[in-house]
Amino acid sequence: MRSSADVTLRAVIRDGRLVGSIASFVMDGDTEVAYWIDRAVWGQGVAGQGIALFLETVPVRPLYARAASDDVRSLRVLRRAGSRSSARRSRTRTRGAPKLREPRCASVSHRVGALR
């Protein structure tokens, strides 16, 4: 997977230490973004800064992301990065043209709209 042209994988480094990773990949025809950040640096802006830098390096648009419906922090990070979601869990509105999507796992994840 790491050698696929459709995959971009980046490490998140802070003070010389690996504190996370961010990747984009194609799933069912859409380019999705996923990230993991070490709990020790939560609430310090690491995820937001990492996503912002990642968006500068990946030219594909739209990009989609998911977060657990009750993961308020991840939803906030993605919204600050420019994602848009509808008020209903089962549908998502992307920035620009209204493109409604059904989430793949409505009970587990909330698919937020396209990232800028």
C-alpha atoms as a PDB file:
ATOM      1  CA  MET A   1       0.000   0.000   0.000  1.00  0.00           C
ATOM      2  CA  ARG A   2       2.778   2.475   0.817  1.00  0.00           C
ATOM      3  CA  SER A   3       4.201   2.169  -2.702  1.00  0.00           C
ATOM      4  CA  SER A   4       0.867   2.824  -4.447  1.00  0.00           C
ATOM      5  CA  ALA A   5       0.606   6.059  -6.427  1.00  0.00           C
ATOM      6  CA  ASP A   6      -2.783   6.631  -4.772  1.00  0.00           C
ATOM      7  CA  VAL A   7      -1.304   6.644  -1.259  1.00  0.00           C
ATOM      8  CA  THR A   8       0.488   9.487   0.509  1.00  0.00           C
ATOM      9  CA  LEU A   9       1.863   8.762   3.969  1.00  0.00           C
ATOM     10  CA  ARG A  10       3.566  11.301   6.235  1.00  0.00           C
ATOM     11  CA  ALA A  11       5.009  11.099   9.729  1.00  0.00           C
ATOM     12  CA  VAL A  12       4.136  13.759  12.284  1.00  0.00           C
ATOM     13  CA  ILE A  13       7.301  14.725  14.148  1.00  0.00           C
ATOM     14  CA  ARG A  14       7.481  17.050  17.139  1.00  0.00           C
ATOM     15  CA  ASP A  15      10.734  17.903  18.896  1.00  0.00           C
ATOM     16  CA  GLY A  16      12.436  15.061  17.016  1.00  0.00           C
ATOM     17  CA  ARG A  17       9.885  12.479  18.194  1.00  0.00           C
ATOM     18  CA  LEU A  18       7.294  10.600  16.157  1.00  0.00           C
ATOM     19  CA  VAL A  19       3.908  11.717  17.492  1.00  0.00           C
ATOM     20  CA  GLY A  20       1.590  10.624  14.700  1.00  0.00           C
ATOM     21  CA  SER A  21       0.932   9.879  11.075  1.00  0.00           C
ATOM     22  CA  ILE A  22      -1.320  11.208   8.322  1.00  0.00           C
ATOM     23  CA  ALA A  23      -2.220   9.384   5.129  1.00  0.00           C
ATOM     24  CA  SER A  24      -4.444   9.703   2.104  1.00  0.00           C
ATOM     25  CA  PHE A  25      -5.636   6.769   0.036  1.00  0.00           C
ATOM     26  CA  VAL A  26      -8.378   5.904  -2.444  1.00  0.00           C
ATOM     27  CA  MET A  27     -11.352   3.970  -1.122  1.00  0.00           C
ATOM     28  CA  ASP A  28     -14.357   3.236  -3.323  1.00  0.00           C
ATOM     29  CA  GLY A  29     -13.239   5.923  -5.762  1.00  0.00           C
ATOM     30  CA  ASP A  30     -12.874   8.716  -3.176  1.00  0.00           C
ATOM     31  CA  THR A  31      -9.592   9.980  -1.760  1.00  0.00           C
ATOM     32  CA  GLU A  32      -9.784   9.767   2.029  1.00  0.00           C
ATOM     33  CA  VAL A  33      -7.548  11.154   4.759  1.00  0.00           C
ATOM     34  CA  ALA A  34      -6.795   9.346   8.003  1.00  0.00           C
ATOM     35  CA  TYR A  35      -4.587  10.391  10.874  1.00  0.00           C
ATOM     36  CA  TRP A  36      -3.368   9.208  14.246  1.00  0.00           C
ATOM     37  CA  ILE A  37      -1.876  11.480  16.899  1.00  0.00           C
ATOM     38  CA  ASP A  38      -0.198  10.324  20.126  1.00  0.00           C
ATOM     39  CA  ARG A  39      -2.468  10.997  23.090  1.00  0.00           C
ATOM     40  CA  ALA A  40       0.459  12.695  24.896  1.00  0.00           C
ATOM     41  CA  VAL A  41       0.194  15.666  22.491  1.00  0.00           C
ATOM     42  CA  TRP A  42      -3.593  15.938  22.211  1.00  0.00           C
ATOM     43  CA  GLY A  43      -4.910  19.453  22.706  1.00  0.00           C
ATOM     44  CA  GLN A  44      -1.637  21.081  21.619  1.00  0.00           C
ATOM     45  CA  GLY A  45      -2.544  21.852  17.991  1.00  0.00           C
ATOM     46  CA  VAL A  46      -0.458  19.014  16.568  1.00  0.00           C
ATOM     47  CA  ALA A  47      -3.323  17.399  14.635  1.00  0.00           C
ATOM     48  CA  GLY A  48      -4.498  20.684  13.163  1.00  0.00           C
ATOM     49  CA  GLN A  49      -1.024  21.747  12.111  1.00  0.00           C
ATOM     50  CA  GLY A  50      -0.324  18.304  10.680  1.00  0.00           C
ATOM     51  CA  ILE A  51      -3.538  18.296   8.639  1.00  0.00           C
ATOM     52  CA  ALA A  52      -2.845  21.845   7.377  1.00  0.00           C
ATOM     53  CA  LEU A  53       0.661  20.898   6.220  1.00  0.00           C
ATOM     54  CA  PHE A  54      -0.620  17.666   4.696  1.00  0.00           C
ATOM     55  CA  LEU A  55      -3.267  19.537   2.689  1.00  0.00           C
ATOM     56  CA  GLU A  56      -0.494  21.684   1.191  1.00  0.00           C
ATOM     57  CA  THR A  57       1.288  18.576  -0.137  1.00  0.00           C
ATOM     58  CA  VAL A  58      -1.684  16.582  -1.485  1.00  0.00           C
ATOM     59  CA  PRO A  59      -3.220  18.247  -4.568  1.00  0.00           C
ATOM     60  CA  VAL A  60      -6.202  15.884  -4.896  1.00  0.00           C
ATOM     61  CA  ARG A  61      -9.587  17.461  -4.181  1.00  0.00           C
ATOM     62  CA  PRO A  62     -11.980  16.694  -2.770  1.00  0.00           C
ATOM     63  CA  LEU A  63     -10.494  14.781   0.147  1.00  0.00           C
ATOM     64  CA  TYR A  64     -12.803  13.046   2.597  1.00  0.00           C
ATOM     65  CA  ALA A  65     -12.308  12.163   6.253  1.00  0.00           C
ATOM     66  CA  ARG A  66     -14.125  10.217   8.949  1.00  0.00           C
ATOM     67  CA  ALA A  67     -14.329  10.546  12.676  1.00  0.00           C
ATOM     68  CA  ALA A  68     -16.283   8.700  15.309  1.00  0.00           C
ATOM     69  CA  SER A  69     -19.561  10.517  15.881  1.00  0.00           C
ATOM     70  CA  ASP A  70     -18.679  11.177  19.521  1.00  0.00           C
ATOM     71  CA  ASP A  71     -15.055  12.191  18.835  1.00  0.00           C
ATOM     72  CA  VAL A  72     -15.605  15.906  19.301  1.00  0.00           C
ATOM     73  CA  ARG A  73     -11.896  16.747  19.102  1.00  0.00           C
ATOM     74  CA  SER A  74     -11.335  15.006  15.765  1.00  0.00           C
ATOM     75  CA  LEU A  75     -14.495  16.521  14.317  1.00  0.00           C
ATOM     76  CA  ARG A  76     -13.256  19.949  15.445  1.00  0.00           C
ATOM     77  CA  VAL A  77      -9.812  19.379  13.863  1.00  0.00           C
ATOM     78  CA  LEU A  78     -11.428  18.386  10.567  1.00  0.00           C
ATOM     79  CA  ARG A  79     -13.867  21.301  10.599  1.00  0.00           C
ATOM     80  CA  ARG A  80     -11.035  23.755  11.266  1.00  0.00           C
ATOM     81  CA  ALA A  81      -9.219  22.236   8.292  1.00  0.00           C
ATOM     82  CA  GLY A  82     -12.165  23.210   6.106  1.00  0.00           C
ATOM     83  CA  SER A  83     -14.451  20.191   6.128  1.00  0.00           C
ATOM     84  CA  ARG A  84     -18.194  20.560   6.096  1.00  0.00           C
ATOM     85  CA  SER A  85     -20.776  18.067   7.261  1.00  0.00           C
ATOM     86  CA  SER A  86     -24.512  18.102   7.417  1.00  0.00           C
ATOM     87  CA  ALA A  87     -26.371  18.123  10.691  1.00  0.00           C
ATOM     88  CA  ARG A  88     -27.550  14.572  10.060  1.00  0.00           C
ATOM     89  CA  ARG A  89     -25.108  11.741  10.678  1.00  0.00           C
ATOM     90  CA  SER A  90     -26.267   9.754   7.687  1.00  0.00           C
ATOM     91  CA  ARG A  91     -25.485  12.391   5.081  1.00  0.00           C
ATOM     92  CA  THR A  92     -22.589  14.686   4.337  1.00  0.00           C
ATOM     93  CA  ARG A  93     -22.478  17.882   2.331  1.00  0.00           C
ATOM     94  CA  THR A  94     -19.193  18.681   0.655  1.00  0.00           C
ATOM     95  CA  ARG A  95     -17.836  22.162   0.153  1.00  0.00           C
ATOM     96  CA  GLY A  96     -18.750  23.536  -3.254  1.00  0.00           C
ATOM     97  CA  ALA A  97     -21.209  21.398  -5.181  1.00  0.00           C
ATOM     98  CA  PRO A  98     -23.702  19.700  -2.889  1.00  0.00           C
ATOM     99  CA  LYS A  99     -22.670  16.053  -3.018  1.00  0.00           C
ATOM    100  CA  LEU A 100     -24.553  13.896  -0.557  1.00  0.00           C
ATOM    101  CA  ARG A 101     -23.014  10.639   0.602  1.00  0.00           C
ATOM    102  CA  GLU A 102     -24.064   7.793   2.826  1.00  0.00           C
ATOM    103  CA  PRO A 103     -21.366   6.954   5.385  1.00  0.00           C
ATOM    104  CA  ARG A 104     -19.913   3.478   5.162  1.00  0.00           C
ATOM    105  CA  CYS A 105     -20.492   2.792   8.876  1.00  0.00           C
ATOM    106  CA  ALA A 106     -23.112   5.221  10.150  1.00  0.00           C
ATOM    107  CA  SER A 107     -23.159   3.803  13.668  1.00  0.00           C
ATOM    108  CA  VAL A 108     -19.384   3.939  14.081  1.00  0.00           C
ATOM    109  CA  SER A 109     -18.157   6.843  12.049  1.00  0.00           C
ATOM    110  CA  HIS A 110     -19.379  10.173  10.858  1.00  0.00           C
ATOM    111  CA  ARG A 111     -18.108  11.058   7.430  1.00  0.00           C
ATOM    112  CA  VAL A 112     -17.285  14.705   7.276  1.00  0.00           C
ATOM    113  CA  GLY A 113     -17.249  16.534   3.999  1.00  0.00           C
ATOM    114  CA  ALA A 114     -14.453  17.403   1.690  1.00  0.00           C
ATOM    115  CA  LEU A 115     -11.390  19.113   3.083  1.00  0.00           C
ATOM    116  CA  ARG A 116     -10.413  22.337   1.341  1.00  0.00           C
END
